[in-house]
Amino acid sequence: MQVRKVLRTRNQRCLNGTLLGRLAKSRYLTGKLIGKSARNALRLAESISWRKTREGWLHGVVLGSLEAYVGNMQSEYNVSRGRIDFRHKTTNPVLIELVVPRHGNEQCPSMNTGELAKLCRVPYTKGKKRILLILDVARRKPIPREKLKEAYARTNAGRGRFSRNVVTVMYFHRDEEYQFRWKPYKVY
């Protein structure tokens, strides 16, 4: 009886070490899994030509790794103001908008107002969590967290009568990674 238990646990450990065990699908899309897929995309972007580090190419890499980790991913989800890059289709949906800076200041909020407006205006029933995923493959030095957070704090979602939802900004660089919450309310 004890021999069977030992063999069963050894087999489970062996299965966890295989590709199938590592790609066992999780039920929920968490920040750790998003971070894992972002790190995979950054690692891959370092080893290829700079021409392939565009958002369209890395979009497929991130989508593939998220699909492998959790499944039920939808690409190019239509909303009223355009399309959102990824949506996790479950009872607890997550919306992800991907940004890949290539030159200069494409990670700044002034360059991403369209993405932020799309994310914060989606109703709560269509997306419970909203994430702006910034994969910084172009810079040699990462942007300090305080500087990026301060830049986003000065930005609002615009005028008008609509529901505003909080967006989590996740920044990934090969040397640094962090996240903070962007509140889309009016700045005085």
Foldseek 3Di string as FASTA:
>chain_A
DVVVVVVVVVVLVVLCPDPCNVLPEDADDDPVQLVVLLLVLLVVCVPDDVVQQDPVNSLVSSVVSNCSHHNQKDAQPDDPLGTFGIWRPDQAIETEHEDEDADDDCLFCVNCLSVQLRQFQDDCRRHVAYEYEYRYNHDPDDDDPVVRVVRLQQAANDDDDGGTDKHKYWYDDPVDIDIDIRGRDDDD
